[in-house]
């Protein structure tokens, strides 16, 4: 009986050590276009976990967006979405849900395509009385 106990403890320790070091990486790409600007500045790509809308990571990206994220690998997959924002532009882009981790995204990045963000509205024109 004591030998079986040692085997169980060893198996549990191996399982815990293995899960603690497991991570899953994936890439994201796309292009950001602002309606009235050739060069949107200070743009960010955020990764959110859908359950609870929890922010996982935020990275600064250029117009030709390329980024990579690393998430903890778990025995089950969770739904994630991405949010693209640019300073000075009120609109945001929210992606569809992606069930991660998924091996196909480790080999081929998630392609968000061309993301068009609306430019800020111009300030109201003040009327002047002659």
N, C-alpha and C. Protein backbone atom coordinates (compact mmCIF):
# COMPACT_ATOMS: atom_id res chain seq x y z
N UNK A 1 0.80 -1.21 0.00
CA UNK A 1 0.00 0.00 0.00
C UNK A 1 0.85 1.27 0.00
N UNK A 2 1.92 1.38 0.77
CA UNK A 2 2.72 2.60 0.76
C UNK A 2 3.33 2.88 -0.62
N UNK A 3 3.65 1.83 -1.40
CA UNK A 3 4.21 2.07 -2.72
C UNK A 3 3.19 2.73 -3.65
N UNK A 4 1.95 2.34 -3.55
CA UNK A 4 0.90 2.96 -4.38
C UNK A 4 0.73 4.43 -4.01
N UNK A 5 0.86 4.75 -2.73
CA UNK A 5 0.77 6.13 -2.27
C UNK A 5 1.90 6.96 -2.88
N UNK A 6 3.11 6.44 -2.92
CA UNK A 6 4.24 7.15 -3.51
C UNK A 6 4.04 7.37 -5.01
N UNK A 7 3.47 6.37 -5.68
CA UNK A 7 3.21 6.49 -7.11
C UNK A 7 2.20 7.62 -7.36
N UNK A 8 1.16 7.69 -6.55
CA UNK A 8 0.15 8.73 -6.71
C UNK A 8 0.74 10.13 -6.46
N UNK A 9 1.56 10.25 -5.43
CA UNK A 9 2.19 11.54 -5.12
C UNK A 9 3.12 11.95 -6.27
N UNK A 10 3.90 11.01 -6.77
CA UNK A 10 4.82 11.32 -7.88
C UNK A 10 4.04 11.74 -9.13
N UNK A 11 2.96 11.03 -9.43
CA UNK A 11 2.14 11.37 -10.60
C UNK A 11 1.52 12.74 -10.44
N UNK A 12 1.03 13.05 -9.25
CA UNK A 12 0.43 14.35 -8.99
C UNK A 12 1.47 15.47 -9.12
N UNK A 13 2.66 15.25 -8.58
CA UNK A 13 3.73 16.26 -8.67
C UNK A 13 4.13 16.47 -10.12
N UNK A 14 4.25 15.40 -10.89
CA UNK A 14 4.61 15.51 -12.31
C UNK A 14 3.54 16.29 -13.08
N UNK A 15 2.28 15.99 -12.80
CA UNK A 15 1.18 16.67 -13.46
C UNK A 15 1.18 18.16 -13.12
N UNK A 16 1.38 18.51 -11.87
CA UNK A 16 1.39 19.91 -11.46
C UNK A 16 2.57 20.65 -12.08
N UNK A 17 3.73 20.07 -12.09
CA UNK A 17 4.89 20.71 -12.69
C UNK A 17 4.70 20.89 -14.19
N UNK A 18 4.14 19.89 -14.84
CA UNK A 18 3.92 19.98 -16.28
C UNK A 18 2.93 21.06 -16.64
N UNK A 19 1.83 21.19 -15.89
CA UNK A 19 0.82 22.20 -16.20
C UNK A 19 1.31 23.60 -15.88
N UNK A 20 2.13 23.75 -14.86
CA UNK A 20 2.61 25.07 -14.48
C UNK A 20 3.51 25.67 -15.55
N UNK A 21 4.18 24.84 -16.30
CA UNK A 21 5.11 25.38 -17.29
C UNK A 21 4.53 25.40 -18.70
N UNK A 22 3.29 24.97 -18.86
CA UNK A 22 2.70 24.92 -20.19
C UNK A 22 2.11 26.27 -20.57
N UNK A 23 2.47 26.72 -21.77
CA UNK A 23 1.91 27.95 -22.30
C UNK A 23 1.58 27.74 -23.76
N UNK A 24 0.70 28.55 -24.26
CA UNK A 24 0.31 28.47 -25.66
C UNK A 24 0.49 29.85 -26.28
N UNK A 25 1.20 29.91 -27.40
CA UNK A 25 1.44 31.18 -28.08
C UNK A 25 0.69 31.19 -29.41
N UNK A 26 0.28 32.39 -29.82
CA UNK A 26 -0.36 32.55 -31.12
C UNK A 26 -0.11 33.96 -31.61
N UNK A 27 -0.20 34.14 -32.90
CA UNK A 27 0.04 35.43 -33.52
C UNK A 27 -1.25 36.04 -34.04
N UNK A 28 -1.22 37.37 -34.20
CA UNK A 28 -2.36 38.12 -34.73
C UNK A 28 -1.80 39.11 -35.75
N UNK A 29 -2.51 39.27 -36.85
CA UNK A 29 -2.10 40.25 -37.85
C UNK A 29 -3.32 40.95 -38.41
N UNK A 30 -3.06 42.06 -39.08
CA UNK A 30 -4.14 42.84 -39.68
C UNK A 30 -3.61 44.19 -40.07
N UNK A 31 -4.50 45.04 -40.55
CA UNK A 31 -4.13 46.40 -40.96
C UNK A 31 -5.15 47.36 -40.39
N UNK A 32 -4.66 48.47 -39.82
CA UNK A 32 -5.54 49.47 -39.23
C UNK A 32 -5.61 50.67 -40.18
N UNK A 33 -6.83 51.10 -40.49
CA UNK A 33 -7.06 52.26 -41.34
C UNK A 33 -8.02 53.18 -40.60
N UNK A 34 -7.66 54.47 -40.55
CA UNK A 34 -8.58 55.46 -39.98
C UNK A 34 -9.24 56.20 -41.13
N UNK A 35 -10.51 56.45 -41.02
CA UNK A 35 -11.28 57.01 -42.12
C UNK A 35 -10.68 58.30 -42.68
N UNK A 36 -10.27 59.23 -41.85
CA UNK A 36 -9.75 60.51 -42.33
C UNK A 36 -8.27 60.70 -42.03
N UNK A 37 -7.54 59.62 -41.85
CA UNK A 37 -6.12 59.74 -41.51
C UNK A 37 -5.34 58.63 -42.18
N UNK A 38 -4.22 59.00 -42.77
CA UNK A 38 -3.36 57.98 -43.39
C UNK A 38 -2.54 57.23 -42.36
N UNK A 39 -2.35 57.84 -41.23
CA UNK A 39 -1.45 57.24 -40.25
C UNK A 39 -1.99 57.36 -38.83
N UNK A 40 -2.87 56.45 -38.43
CA UNK A 40 -3.33 56.51 -37.04
C UNK A 40 -2.15 56.24 -36.11
N UNK A 41 -2.06 57.04 -35.05
CA UNK A 41 -0.94 56.88 -34.13
C UNK A 41 -1.41 56.27 -32.82
N UNK A 42 -0.45 55.72 -32.10
CA UNK A 42 -0.71 55.16 -30.77
C UNK A 42 -1.90 54.21 -30.79
N UNK A 43 -1.77 53.15 -31.56
CA UNK A 43 -2.81 52.13 -31.62
C UNK A 43 -2.44 50.95 -30.73
N UNK A 44 -3.46 50.30 -30.20
CA UNK A 44 -3.25 49.19 -29.27
C UNK A 44 -4.13 48.00 -29.64
N UNK A 45 -3.59 46.83 -29.41
CA UNK A 45 -4.32 45.58 -29.57
C UNK A 45 -4.42 44.95 -28.19
N UNK A 46 -5.64 44.69 -27.77
CA UNK A 46 -5.87 44.10 -26.45
C UNK A 46 -6.46 42.71 -26.61
N UNK A 47 -6.01 41.81 -25.78
CA UNK A 47 -6.57 40.46 -25.72
C UNK A 47 -7.40 40.36 -24.45
N UNK A 48 -8.67 39.98 -24.62
CA UNK A 48 -9.60 39.85 -23.49
C UNK A 48 -10.14 38.43 -23.42
N UNK A 49 -10.28 37.93 -22.21
CA UNK A 49 -10.99 36.66 -22.03
C UNK A 49 -12.47 37.00 -21.93
N UNK A 50 -13.31 36.27 -22.66
CA UNK A 50 -14.72 36.62 -22.77
C UNK A 50 -15.47 36.46 -21.45
N UNK A 51 -15.14 35.45 -20.67
CA UNK A 51 -15.86 35.28 -19.41
C UNK A 51 -15.37 36.35 -18.42
N UNK A 52 -16.21 37.33 -18.18
CA UNK A 52 -15.86 38.42 -17.28
C UNK A 52 -15.17 39.58 -17.98
N UNK A 53 -15.00 39.51 -19.30
CA UNK A 53 -14.34 40.58 -20.06
C UNK A 53 -13.00 40.97 -19.43
N UNK A 54 -12.23 39.98 -19.05
CA UNK A 54 -10.94 40.23 -18.38
C UNK A 54 -9.85 40.55 -19.38
N UNK A 55 -9.17 41.69 -19.19
CA UNK A 55 -8.04 42.07 -20.03
C UNK A 55 -6.86 41.17 -19.69
N UNK A 56 -6.31 40.50 -20.71
CA UNK A 56 -5.17 39.61 -20.52
C UNK A 56 -3.87 40.35 -20.81
N UNK A 57 -3.83 41.06 -21.94
CA UNK A 57 -2.61 41.77 -22.32
C UNK A 57 -2.95 42.89 -23.30
N UNK A 58 -2.16 43.96 -23.26
CA UNK A 58 -2.32 45.10 -24.16
C UNK A 58 -0.97 45.41 -24.77
N UNK A 59 -0.91 45.45 -26.11
CA UNK A 59 0.34 45.73 -26.80
C UNK A 59 0.13 46.87 -27.79
N UNK A 60 1.18 47.68 -27.95
CA UNK A 60 1.13 48.76 -28.94
C UNK A 60 1.45 48.15 -30.30
N UNK A 61 0.70 48.58 -31.32
CA UNK A 61 0.88 48.03 -32.66
C UNK A 61 0.96 49.17 -33.68
N UNK A 62 1.54 48.86 -34.82
CA UNK A 62 1.59 49.82 -35.92
C UNK A 62 0.40 49.57 -36.84
N UNK A 63 0.30 50.38 -37.91
CA UNK A 63 -0.80 50.19 -38.87
C UNK A 63 -0.78 48.80 -39.47
N UNK A 64 0.39 48.31 -39.81
CA UNK A 64 0.54 46.92 -40.29
C UNK A 64 0.70 46.07 -39.04
N UNK A 65 -0.40 45.67 -38.49
CA UNK A 65 -0.43 45.04 -37.18
C UNK A 65 0.12 43.61 -37.20
N UNK A 66 1.09 43.38 -36.35
CA UNK A 66 1.62 42.04 -36.10
C UNK A 66 1.93 41.96 -34.61
N UNK A 67 1.34 41.01 -33.96
CA UNK A 67 1.56 40.86 -32.52
C UNK A 67 1.48 39.39 -32.16
N UNK A 68 2.02 39.07 -31.02
CA UNK A 68 1.90 37.69 -30.52
C UNK A 68 1.53 37.74 -29.04
N UNK A 69 0.78 36.75 -28.64
CA UNK A 69 0.33 36.63 -27.26
C UNK A 69 0.66 35.24 -26.75
N UNK A 70 0.85 35.15 -25.46
CA UNK A 70 1.06 33.87 -24.80
C UNK A 70 0.04 33.75 -23.68
N UNK A 71 -0.69 32.65 -23.69
CA UNK A 71 -1.68 32.41 -22.65
C UNK A 71 -1.36 31.09 -21.97
N UNK A 72 -1.85 30.94 -20.77
CA UNK A 72 -1.64 29.69 -20.04
C UNK A 72 -2.43 28.58 -20.71
N UNK A 73 -1.78 27.47 -20.93
CA UNK A 73 -2.46 26.31 -21.50
C UNK A 73 -3.22 25.60 -20.38
N UNK A 74 -4.45 25.29 -20.65
CA UNK A 74 -5.28 24.60 -19.67
C UNK A 74 -5.89 23.37 -20.35
N UNK A 75 -6.42 22.46 -19.56
CA UNK A 75 -7.04 21.28 -20.18
C UNK A 75 -8.29 21.63 -20.99
N UNK A 76 -8.88 22.79 -20.76
CA UNK A 76 -10.05 23.22 -21.50
C UNK A 76 -9.72 24.50 -22.26
N UNK A 77 -10.50 24.78 -23.29
CA UNK A 77 -10.29 26.00 -24.08
C UNK A 77 -11.29 27.05 -23.65
N UNK A 78 -10.88 28.31 -23.77
CA UNK A 78 -11.74 29.42 -23.38
C UNK A 78 -11.93 30.35 -24.57
N UNK A 79 -12.98 31.16 -24.50
CA UNK A 79 -13.25 32.13 -25.56
C UNK A 79 -12.53 33.44 -25.26
N UNK A 80 -11.87 33.97 -26.29
CA UNK A 80 -11.15 35.24 -26.19
C UNK A 80 -11.60 36.13 -27.35
N UNK A 81 -11.45 37.43 -27.15
CA UNK A 81 -11.67 38.39 -28.25
C UNK A 81 -10.58 39.44 -28.19
N UNK A 82 -10.42 40.18 -29.29
CA UNK A 82 -9.42 41.23 -29.36
C UNK A 82 -10.10 42.57 -29.60
N UNK A 83 -9.51 43.61 -29.04
CA UNK A 83 -10.02 44.96 -29.16
C UNK A 83 -8.91 45.82 -29.74
N UNK A 84 -9.22 46.60 -30.79
CA UNK A 84 -8.25 47.51 -31.41
C UNK A 84 -8.72 48.93 -31.16
N UNK A 85 -7.82 49.75 -30.61
CA UNK A 85 -8.12 51.15 -30.34
C UNK A 85 -6.95 52.01 -30.80
N UNK A 86 -7.24 53.25 -31.15
CA UNK A 86 -6.21 54.22 -31.51
C UNK A 86 -6.50 55.52 -30.76
N UNK A 87 -5.45 56.14 -30.23
CA UNK A 87 -5.60 57.42 -29.53
C UNK A 87 -6.24 58.45 -30.46
N UNK A 88 -7.17 59.21 -29.93
CA UNK A 88 -7.79 60.28 -30.70
C UNK A 88 -8.90 59.82 -31.63
N UNK A 89 -9.17 58.52 -31.68
CA UNK A 89 -10.24 58.00 -32.53
C UNK A 89 -11.25 57.32 -31.61
N UNK A 90 -12.49 57.82 -31.58
CA UNK A 90 -13.45 57.31 -30.60
C UNK A 90 -13.92 55.88 -30.86
N UNK A 91 -13.91 55.43 -32.10
CA UNK A 91 -14.43 54.09 -32.37
C UNK A 91 -13.40 53.03 -32.00
N UNK A 92 -13.92 51.85 -31.73
CA UNK A 92 -13.09 50.68 -31.39
C UNK A 92 -13.53 49.52 -32.25
N UNK A 93 -12.62 48.58 -32.44
CA UNK A 93 -12.95 47.36 -33.18
C UNK A 93 -12.91 46.20 -32.20
N UNK A 94 -13.96 45.40 -32.18
CA UNK A 94 -13.99 44.19 -31.37
C UNK A 94 -14.10 43.00 -32.30
N UNK A 95 -13.20 42.05 -32.15
CA UNK A 95 -13.18 40.88 -33.02
C UNK A 95 -14.26 39.88 -32.63
N UNK A 96 -14.41 38.88 -33.47
CA UNK A 96 -15.23 37.73 -33.11
C UNK A 96 -14.55 36.97 -31.98
N UNK A 97 -15.24 36.00 -31.44
CA UNK A 97 -14.64 35.17 -30.39
C UNK A 97 -13.76 34.10 -31.02
N UNK A 98 -12.66 33.81 -30.33
CA UNK A 98 -11.75 32.74 -30.73
C UNK A 98 -11.59 31.80 -29.55
N UNK A 99 -11.77 30.52 -29.80
CA UNK A 99 -11.61 29.52 -28.75
C UNK A 99 -10.14 29.13 -28.71
N UNK A 100 -9.48 29.46 -27.60
CA UNK A 100 -8.04 29.25 -27.46
C UNK A 100 -7.74 28.44 -26.21
N UNK A 101 -6.63 27.73 -26.14
CA UNK A 101 -5.62 27.59 -27.19
C UNK A 101 -6.08 26.67 -28.31
N UNK A 102 -5.54 26.93 -29.50
CA UNK A 102 -5.84 26.13 -30.68
C UNK A 102 -4.56 26.02 -31.51
N UNK A 103 -4.16 24.82 -31.81
CA UNK A 103 -2.89 24.60 -32.51
C UNK A 103 -2.84 25.27 -33.88
N UNK A 104 -3.99 25.42 -34.55
CA UNK A 104 -3.95 26.03 -35.89
C UNK A 104 -3.47 27.48 -35.82
N UNK A 105 -3.74 28.18 -34.70
CA UNK A 105 -3.29 29.56 -34.58
C UNK A 105 -1.82 29.65 -34.17
N UNK A 106 -1.26 28.57 -33.66
CA UNK A 106 0.17 28.56 -33.37
C UNK A 106 0.96 28.53 -34.67
N UNK A 107 0.42 27.86 -35.68
CA UNK A 107 1.10 27.76 -36.98
C UNK A 107 0.74 28.91 -37.91
N UNK A 108 -0.51 29.36 -37.87
CA UNK A 108 -0.99 30.42 -38.76
C UNK A 108 -1.64 31.50 -37.89
N UNK A 109 -1.15 32.75 -37.98
CA UNK A 109 -1.72 33.80 -37.13
C UNK A 109 -3.19 34.05 -37.41
N UNK A 110 -3.87 34.56 -36.42
CA UNK A 110 -5.25 35.01 -36.59
C UNK A 110 -5.19 36.27 -37.45
N UNK A 111 -5.93 36.29 -38.54
CA UNK A 111 -5.93 37.43 -39.44
C UNK A 111 -7.20 38.24 -39.21
N UNK A 112 -7.05 39.43 -38.66
CA UNK A 112 -8.20 40.30 -38.41
C UNK A 112 -8.59 41.11 -39.64
N UNK A 113 -7.78 41.03 -40.70
CA UNK A 113 -8.09 41.74 -41.94
C UNK A 113 -7.85 43.24 -41.80
N UNK A 114 -8.55 44.01 -42.61
CA UNK A 114 -8.44 45.47 -42.56
C UNK A 114 -9.48 46.02 -41.61
N UNK A 115 -9.01 46.73 -40.62
CA UNK A 115 -9.87 47.30 -39.58
C UNK A 115 -10.00 48.79 -39.86
N UNK A 116 -11.22 49.26 -40.12
CA UNK A 116 -11.46 50.68 -40.41
C UNK A 116 -12.06 51.32 -39.17
N UNK A 117 -11.33 52.29 -38.62
CA UNK A 117 -11.82 53.04 -37.46
C UNK A 117 -12.27 54.41 -37.93
N UNK A 118 -13.40 54.87 -37.42
CA UNK A 118 -13.91 56.19 -37.78
C UNK A 118 -13.03 57.26 -37.16
N UNK A 119 -12.80 58.33 -37.92
CA UNK A 119 -12.03 59.46 -37.42
C UNK A 119 -12.87 60.25 -36.44
N UNK A 120 -12.23 61.03 -35.58
CA UNK A 120 -13.01 61.83 -34.62
C UNK A 120 -13.86 62.87 -35.33
N UNK A 121 -14.95 63.18 -34.72
CA UNK A 121 -15.83 64.21 -35.28
C UNK A 121 -15.16 65.57 -35.16
N UNK A 122 -15.35 66.44 -36.14
CA UNK A 122 -14.75 67.78 -36.03
C UNK A 122 -15.45 68.56 -34.93
N UNK A 123 -14.75 69.53 -34.33
CA UNK A 123 -15.39 70.32 -33.28
C UNK A 123 -16.55 71.12 -33.86
N UNK A 124 -17.55 71.40 -33.05
CA UNK A 124 -18.71 72.17 -33.57
C UNK A 124 -18.26 73.55 -33.99
N UNK A 125 -18.92 74.06 -35.02
CA UNK A 125 -18.62 75.40 -35.53
C UNK A 125 -19.38 76.40 -34.68
N UNK A 126 -18.66 77.40 -34.19
CA UNK A 126 -19.31 78.45 -33.40
C UNK A 126 -19.97 79.46 -34.34
N UNK A 127 -21.18 79.78 -34.03
CA UNK A 127 -21.89 80.78 -34.83
C UNK A 127 -21.49 82.17 -34.36
N UNK A 128 -21.30 83.03 -35.31
CA UNK A 128 -20.98 84.41 -34.96
C UNK A 128 -22.10 85.32 -35.47
N UNK A 129 -22.48 86.26 -34.66
CA UNK A 129 -23.51 87.23 -35.04
C UNK A 129 -22.83 88.49 -35.57
N UNK A 130 -23.23 88.96 -36.76
CA UNK A 130 -22.61 90.18 -37.30
C UNK A 130 -23.06 91.43 -36.58
